[in-house]
Amino acid sequence: MTNYLDFEKPLADIEGKAEELRAMARQNEDMDVEKEAAALDDKAAKLLSDLYKDLTPWRKCQVARHPDRPHCKDYIEALFDEYTPLAGDRNFADDHAVMGGLARLNGTPLVVIGHEKGHDTKTRIERNFGMARPEGYRKAIRLMDLAHRFNLPVVTLVDTPGAYPGKGAEERGQSEAIARSTQKCLELGVPLISVIIGEGGSGGAVAFATANRVAMLEHSIYSVISPEGCASILWKDAEKMREAAEALRLTAQDLQNLGVCDVIIGEPMGGAQRDTKGTIERVGRQISSMLEELSKLDSAALKADRRKKYLELGSKGLAA
């Protein structure tokens, strides 16, 4: 069953009618509806193109949060061989919102870490909707230490509304864990590549994405705060999220102009959820390309490259 976003409702009607015709034909072999159904398909394809031709920032937020988008687990299963998950922070617990372990990409050994949101009610609750607790960030630090020790590149897949703001998380040092994870990213002497595959929310995303190279899917977002949170603070009205999304400059295109995002990875028409396999393959090719580029740098050069990137951050877009 296809999940349609609010602005896709006209598309849902057309595609639904085409499917109804074909369902009727399957029940009655004498019916020939293919011509009418094909016409509806053409109409739907044109409407889809029109809807996605110039998405507003708020609509990009909706697409980035689409429940059918491929998540971290999908990327790991499709792209990486010999994935061996490593659990726990050796201090408190294992955080299921953060996946991570050893793997190979096209034969290259590496460490992969990412936020996992889950696909249905059960897994979303288990994964806490991708909102990591302190033990999730401490697990990531442990994995990055392991990568540094054995000279393995690190790939992070970011997809989180933000770090979990619950009482228990705050009691166990949420802000400290995020800060130390960000610090660890900056200290690594191995290549660090981050891909924003959906939402990149606040410090919860920065803790994984302070990387040598940051790639974003075309309709992903990356921001210091959610549009709803921003609207609640600035206008005392969460319904002002459309205005907030415009002001935050959170789209991949805006962030590339600002120098935050290095590469934009194209998505199929209608978003990643309409061609999961193709999207994952594109991400895999881009990761391989960035790994090849960074493999030529030694430890000192990698740290210097990262330092330069973040000291100059935002300067590209100051005149925009």
Protein backbone atom coordinates (compact mmCIF):
# COMPACT_ATOMS: atom_id res chain seq x y z
CA MET A 1 0.00 0.00 0.00
CA THR A 2 1.41 3.38 -1.03
CA ASN A 3 1.55 6.13 1.59
CA TYR A 4 0.78 9.52 0.07
CA LEU A 5 1.79 12.87 1.54
CA ASP A 6 -0.78 15.66 1.90
CA PHE A 7 0.31 17.46 -1.25
CA GLU A 8 0.22 14.17 -3.19
CA LYS A 9 -3.53 13.59 -2.68
CA PRO A 10 -4.45 14.46 -6.33
CA LEU A 11 -1.83 11.92 -7.43
CA ALA A 12 -3.34 9.32 -5.09
CA ASP A 13 -6.72 9.74 -6.78
CA ILE A 14 -5.35 9.19 -10.29
CA GLU A 15 -3.11 6.24 -9.39
CA GLY A 16 -5.97 4.75 -7.37
CA LYS A 17 -8.31 4.89 -10.36
CA ALA A 18 -5.73 3.20 -12.58
CA GLU A 19 -5.29 0.42 -10.03
CA GLU A 20 -9.08 0.00 -9.70
CA LEU A 21 -9.39 -0.47 -13.46
CA ARG A 22 -6.67 -3.11 -13.49
CA ALA A 23 -8.21 -4.87 -10.49
CA MET A 24 -11.55 -5.04 -12.31
CA ALA A 25 -9.81 -6.46 -15.38
CA ARG A 26 -8.15 -9.16 -13.28
CA GLN A 27 -11.58 -10.24 -12.05
CA ASN A 28 -13.14 -10.13 -15.52
CA GLU A 29 -10.85 -11.38 -18.27
CA ASP A 30 -13.16 -10.03 -20.99
CA MET A 31 -12.54 -6.43 -19.93
CA ASP A 32 -9.83 -4.50 -21.76
CA VAL A 33 -8.92 -1.47 -19.67
CA GLU A 34 -5.24 -1.16 -20.46
CA LYS A 35 -5.68 1.82 -22.76
CA GLU A 36 -7.62 3.78 -20.13
CA ALA A 37 -5.23 2.70 -17.37
CA ALA A 38 -2.19 3.69 -19.46
CA ALA A 39 -3.72 7.13 -20.03
CA LEU A 40 -4.15 7.51 -16.28
CA ASP A 41 -0.54 6.40 -15.78
CA ASP A 42 0.65 9.11 -18.17
CA LYS A 43 -1.47 11.68 -16.36
CA ALA A 44 -0.08 10.56 -13.01
CA ALA A 45 3.51 10.73 -14.26
CA LYS A 46 3.02 14.30 -15.48
CA LEU A 47 1.38 15.34 -12.21
CA LEU A 48 4.20 13.72 -10.21
CA SER A 49 6.74 15.65 -12.26
CA ASP A 50 4.84 18.90 -11.70
CA LEU A 51 4.55 18.30 -7.94
CA TYR A 52 8.27 17.57 -7.50
CA LYS A 53 9.59 20.09 -10.01
CA ASP A 54 10.02 22.86 -7.45
CA LEU A 55 9.32 21.59 -3.93
CA THR A 56 9.06 24.16 -1.15
CA PRO A 57 11.29 23.62 1.92
CA TRP A 58 8.28 22.45 3.94
CA ARG A 59 7.35 19.89 1.32
CA LYS A 60 10.94 18.68 1.30
CA CYS A 61 10.59 18.18 5.06
CA GLN A 62 7.54 16.01 4.42
CA VAL A 63 9.37 13.95 1.79
CA ALA A 64 12.42 13.56 4.07
CA ARG A 65 10.12 12.13 6.75
CA HIS A 66 8.17 9.84 4.43
CA PRO A 67 7.58 6.53 6.25
CA ASP A 68 8.48 4.50 3.15
CA ARG A 69 11.91 6.05 2.58
CA PRO A 70 14.77 3.55 2.88
CA HIS A 71 16.26 3.67 6.35
CA CYS A 72 19.69 2.86 7.78
CA LYS A 73 18.94 -0.86 8.09
CA ASP A 74 17.94 -1.01 4.41
CA TYR A 75 21.21 0.62 3.33
CA ILE A 76 23.33 -1.65 5.50
CA GLU A 77 21.60 -4.80 4.26
CA ALA A 78 21.82 -3.77 0.59
CA LEU A 79 25.25 -2.11 0.39
CA PHE A 80 27.54 -3.74 2.93
CA ASP A 81 28.91 -7.26 3.06
CA GLU A 82 29.93 -9.17 6.18
CA TYR A 83 28.12 -6.69 8.44
CA THR A 84 28.85 -7.59 12.06
CA PRO A 85 26.80 -5.49 14.49
CA LEU A 86 28.45 -4.33 17.71
CA ALA A 87 26.16 -3.48 20.61
CA GLY A 88 26.29 -1.43 23.77
CA ASP A 89 28.34 1.43 25.15
CA ARG A 90 30.11 -0.73 27.81
CA ASN A 91 28.64 1.62 30.39
CA PHE A 92 24.84 1.54 30.59
CA ALA A 93 22.94 -0.21 27.78
CA ASP A 94 22.51 -0.79 24.06
CA ASP A 95 20.57 1.92 22.25
CA HIS A 96 18.50 0.44 19.41
CA ALA A 97 18.11 3.87 17.77
CA VAL A 98 21.76 3.58 16.71
CA MET A 99 23.05 0.76 14.52
CA GLY A 100 26.73 0.13 14.01
CA GLY A 101 29.40 -2.41 13.36
CA LEU A 102 32.11 -3.73 11.09
CA ALA A 103 31.40 -4.28 7.40
CA ARG A 104 32.84 -4.24 3.89
CA LEU A 105 31.87 -2.02 0.97
CA ASN A 106 33.07 -3.45 -2.35
CA GLY A 107 35.70 -5.37 -0.40
CA THR A 108 36.90 -2.35 1.63
CA PRO A 109 36.69 -2.97 5.40
CA LEU A 110 35.13 -0.12 7.36
CA VAL A 111 32.92 0.83 10.29
CA VAL A 112 29.34 1.88 9.57
CA ILE A 113 27.14 3.75 12.07
CA GLY A 114 23.64 5.14 11.62
CA HIS A 115 20.30 6.14 13.07
CA GLU A 116 17.46 3.66 12.50
CA LYS A 117 13.83 4.85 12.73
CA GLY A 118 12.01 1.57 12.13
CA HIS A 119 9.35 0.72 9.54
CA ASP A 120 6.22 -0.15 11.51
CA THR A 121 4.73 0.58 14.90
CA LYS A 122 6.64 -2.16 16.69
CA THR A 123 10.06 -1.34 15.24
CA ARG A 124 9.55 2.43 15.55
CA ILE A 125 8.92 2.04 19.26
CA GLU A 126 11.88 -0.34 19.58
CA ARG A 127 14.12 2.13 17.71
CA ASN A 128 12.65 5.14 19.55
CA PHE A 129 11.86 6.73 16.16
CA GLY A 130 15.57 7.23 15.49
CA MET A 131 16.07 9.47 18.53
CA ALA A 132 19.26 8.32 20.24
CA ARG A 133 19.91 8.35 23.97
CA PRO A 134 23.36 9.02 25.50
CA GLU A 135 24.29 5.35 25.28
CA GLY A 136 23.70 5.51 21.51
CA TYR A 137 26.27 8.27 21.11
CA ARG A 138 28.66 6.52 23.47
CA LYS A 139 28.29 3.36 21.39
CA ALA A 140 29.18 5.43 18.32
CA ILE A 141 32.25 6.81 20.12
CA ARG A 142 33.33 3.26 20.96
CA LEU A 143 32.97 2.24 17.32
CA MET A 144 34.89 5.30 16.09
CA ASP A 145 37.69 4.49 18.56
CA LEU A 146 37.77 0.98 17.13
CA ALA A 147 37.96 2.36 13.59
CA HIS A 148 40.80 4.71 14.55
CA ARG A 149 42.74 1.89 16.24
CA PHE A 150 42.54 -0.41 13.22
CA ASN A 151 42.77 2.32 10.57
CA LEU A 152 39.28 1.71 9.16
CA PRO A 153 37.22 4.39 7.38
CA VAL A 154 33.94 5.40 9.06
CA VAL A 155 30.64 5.83 7.20
CA THR A 156 27.67 7.34 9.05
CA LEU A 157 24.06 7.31 7.85
CA VAL A 158 22.09 10.12 9.46
CA ASP A 159 18.31 10.01 9.83
CA THR A 160 17.00 11.45 13.09
CA PRO A 161 14.56 14.14 14.24
CA GLY A 162 17.13 14.84 16.96
CA ALA A 163 18.52 13.33 20.12
CA TYR A 164 15.96 11.97 22.60
CA PRO A 165 14.94 14.77 25.04
CA GLY A 166 13.56 12.53 27.81
CA LYS A 167 14.32 12.87 31.51
CA GLY A 168 16.39 9.67 31.68
CA ALA A 169 18.53 10.74 28.73
CA GLU A 170 19.22 14.10 30.36
CA GLU A 171 20.08 12.43 33.67
CA ARG A 172 22.65 10.24 31.90
CA GLY A 173 24.35 13.20 30.21
CA GLN A 174 22.74 13.63 26.79
CA SER A 175 24.46 16.90 25.91
CA GLU A 176 27.85 15.63 27.12
CA ALA A 177 27.50 12.46 25.03
CA ILE A 178 26.61 14.47 21.92
CA ALA A 179 29.52 16.85 22.48
CA ARG A 180 31.99 13.99 22.94
CA SER A 181 30.72 12.22 19.82
CA THR A 182 31.18 15.43 17.83
CA GLN A 183 34.66 15.84 19.32
CA LYS A 184 35.53 12.25 18.40
CA CYS A 185 34.50 12.91 14.79
CA LEU A 186 36.93 15.84 14.67
CA GLU A 187 39.79 13.83 16.20
CA LEU A 188 39.59 10.79 13.94
CA GLY A 189 42.68 10.05 11.89
CA VAL A 190 40.72 7.98 9.35
CA PRO A 191 38.32 9.04 6.57
CA LEU A 192 34.89 9.98 7.90
CA ILE A 193 31.98 10.18 5.46
CA SER A 194 28.43 11.09 6.39
CA VAL A 195 25.26 10.76 4.32
CA ILE A 196 22.03 12.49 5.36
CA ILE A 197 19.46 9.96 4.12
CA GLY A 198 16.36 11.59 5.61
CA GLU A 199 16.26 14.01 8.52
CA GLY A 200 19.37 15.55 10.00
CA GLY A 201 18.01 17.01 13.20
CA SER A 202 19.98 19.22 15.58
CA GLY A 203 22.98 18.02 17.60
CA GLY A 204 21.69 14.48 17.30
CA ALA A 205 22.75 14.62 13.64
CA VAL A 206 25.88 16.75 14.08
CA ALA A 207 27.28 14.13 16.46
CA PHE A 208 27.55 11.73 13.48
CA ALA A 209 27.99 14.21 10.63
CA THR A 210 31.06 16.24 11.58
CA ALA A 211 32.79 14.52 8.69
CA ASN A 212 35.38 15.08 5.97
CA ARG A 213 32.61 14.77 3.39
CA VAL A 214 28.88 15.27 3.92
CA ALA A 215 26.51 14.06 1.23
CA MET A 216 22.75 14.63 1.26
CA LEU A 217 19.97 12.96 -0.64
CA GLU A 218 18.17 15.45 -2.86
CA HIS A 219 15.07 15.71 -0.66
CA SER A 220 16.73 15.26 2.74
CA ILE A 221 16.97 18.05 5.32
CA TYR A 222 19.62 19.12 7.85
CA SER A 223 18.95 21.77 10.47
CA VAL A 224 19.70 22.98 13.99
CA ILE A 225 16.02 22.54 14.89
CA SER A 226 12.83 21.19 13.35
CA PRO A 227 10.55 23.69 11.59
CA GLU A 228 7.83 22.98 14.17
CA GLY A 229 10.24 23.61 17.06
CA CYS A 230 11.54 26.78 15.46
CA ALA A 231 7.99 28.07 14.86
CA SER A 232 7.03 27.34 18.46
CA ILE A 233 9.97 29.39 19.75
CA LEU A 234 9.86 32.32 17.32
CA TRP A 235 6.12 32.69 16.73
CA LYS A 236 4.69 30.68 19.65
CA ASP A 237 2.75 28.80 16.99
CA ALA A 238 3.84 25.43 15.59
CA GLU A 239 1.52 26.00 12.61
CA LYS A 240 4.05 28.53 11.31
CA MET A 241 6.31 25.60 10.34
CA ARG A 242 6.16 26.52 6.63
CA GLU A 243 7.65 29.95 7.32
CA ALA A 244 10.21 28.38 9.66
CA ALA A 245 11.27 25.84 7.02
CA GLU A 246 11.90 28.70 4.58
CA ALA A 247 13.94 30.67 7.13
CA LEU A 248 16.05 27.74 8.32
CA ARG A 249 17.59 27.04 4.90
CA LEU A 250 17.53 23.34 5.65
CA THR A 251 17.36 21.86 2.15
CA ALA A 252 20.28 20.07 0.51
CA GLN A 253 20.46 22.80 -2.12
CA ASP A 254 20.69 25.60 0.47
CA LEU A 255 23.27 23.70 2.51
CA GLN A 256 25.43 23.03 -0.52
CA ASN A 257 25.49 26.79 -1.16
CA LEU A 258 26.58 27.32 2.45
CA GLY A 259 29.32 24.70 2.23
CA VAL A 260 27.72 22.39 4.80
CA CYS A 261 26.85 19.77 2.18
CA ASP A 262 29.56 18.67 -0.24
CA VAL A 263 27.51 16.48 -2.59
CA ILE A 264 23.81 16.16 -3.42
CA ILE A 265 22.72 12.65 -4.40
CA GLY A 266 19.80 12.67 -6.82
CA GLU A 267 16.56 10.90 -5.96
CA PRO A 268 14.07 9.31 -8.36
CA MET A 269 11.06 11.37 -9.37
CA GLY A 270 8.70 11.33 -6.40
CA GLY A 271 11.37 10.69 -3.79
CA ALA A 272 13.57 7.83 -2.60
CA GLN A 273 10.55 5.77 -1.56
CA ARG A 274 9.51 5.32 -5.21
CA ASP A 275 12.74 3.49 -6.09
CA THR A 276 14.43 2.22 -2.96
CA LYS A 277 16.86 -0.04 -4.80
CA GLY A 278 17.98 2.69 -7.21
CA THR A 279 18.40 5.22 -4.41
CA ILE A 280 20.52 2.86 -2.31
CA GLU A 281 22.72 2.08 -5.31
CA ARG A 282 23.32 5.79 -5.93
CA VAL A 283 24.28 6.32 -2.31
CA GLY A 284 26.65 3.34 -2.49
CA ARG A 285 28.38 4.72 -5.58
CA GLN A 286 28.82 8.12 -3.94
CA ILE A 287 30.25 6.63 -0.75
CA SER A 288 32.73 4.59 -2.80
CA SER A 289 33.76 7.70 -4.74
CA MET A 290 34.34 9.73 -1.57
CA LEU A 291 36.24 6.87 0.08
CA GLU A 292 38.54 6.65 -2.93
CA GLU A 293 39.19 10.39 -2.79
CA LEU A 294 39.96 10.42 0.96
CA SER A 295 42.06 7.23 0.90
CA LYS A 296 44.88 9.28 -0.64
CA LEU A 297 45.22 11.41 2.52
CA ASP A 298 47.22 10.45 5.60
CA SER A 299 45.99 10.88 9.18
CA ALA A 300 47.31 14.44 9.60
CA ALA A 301 45.89 15.53 6.24
CA LEU A 302 42.47 14.07 7.09
CA LYS A 303 42.32 15.99 10.36
CA ALA A 304 43.50 19.19 8.64
CA ASP A 305 40.90 18.71 5.87
CA ARG A 306 38.14 18.32 8.45
CA ARG A 307 39.35 21.29 10.48
CA LYS A 308 39.49 23.53 7.41
CA LYS A 309 35.99 22.47 6.35
CA TYR A 310 34.41 23.44 9.65
CA LEU A 311 36.36 26.65 10.21
CA GLU A 312 35.18 27.88 6.80
CA LEU A 313 31.64 26.61 7.23
CA GLY A 314 28.98 29.02 5.99
CA SER A 315 31.36 31.48 4.36
CA LYS A 316 30.33 30.39 0.85
CA GLY A 317 26.76 31.53 1.35
CA LEU A 318 27.26 34.78 3.29
CA ALA A 319 26.66 36.90 0.21
CA ALA A 320 23.59 34.89 -0.88
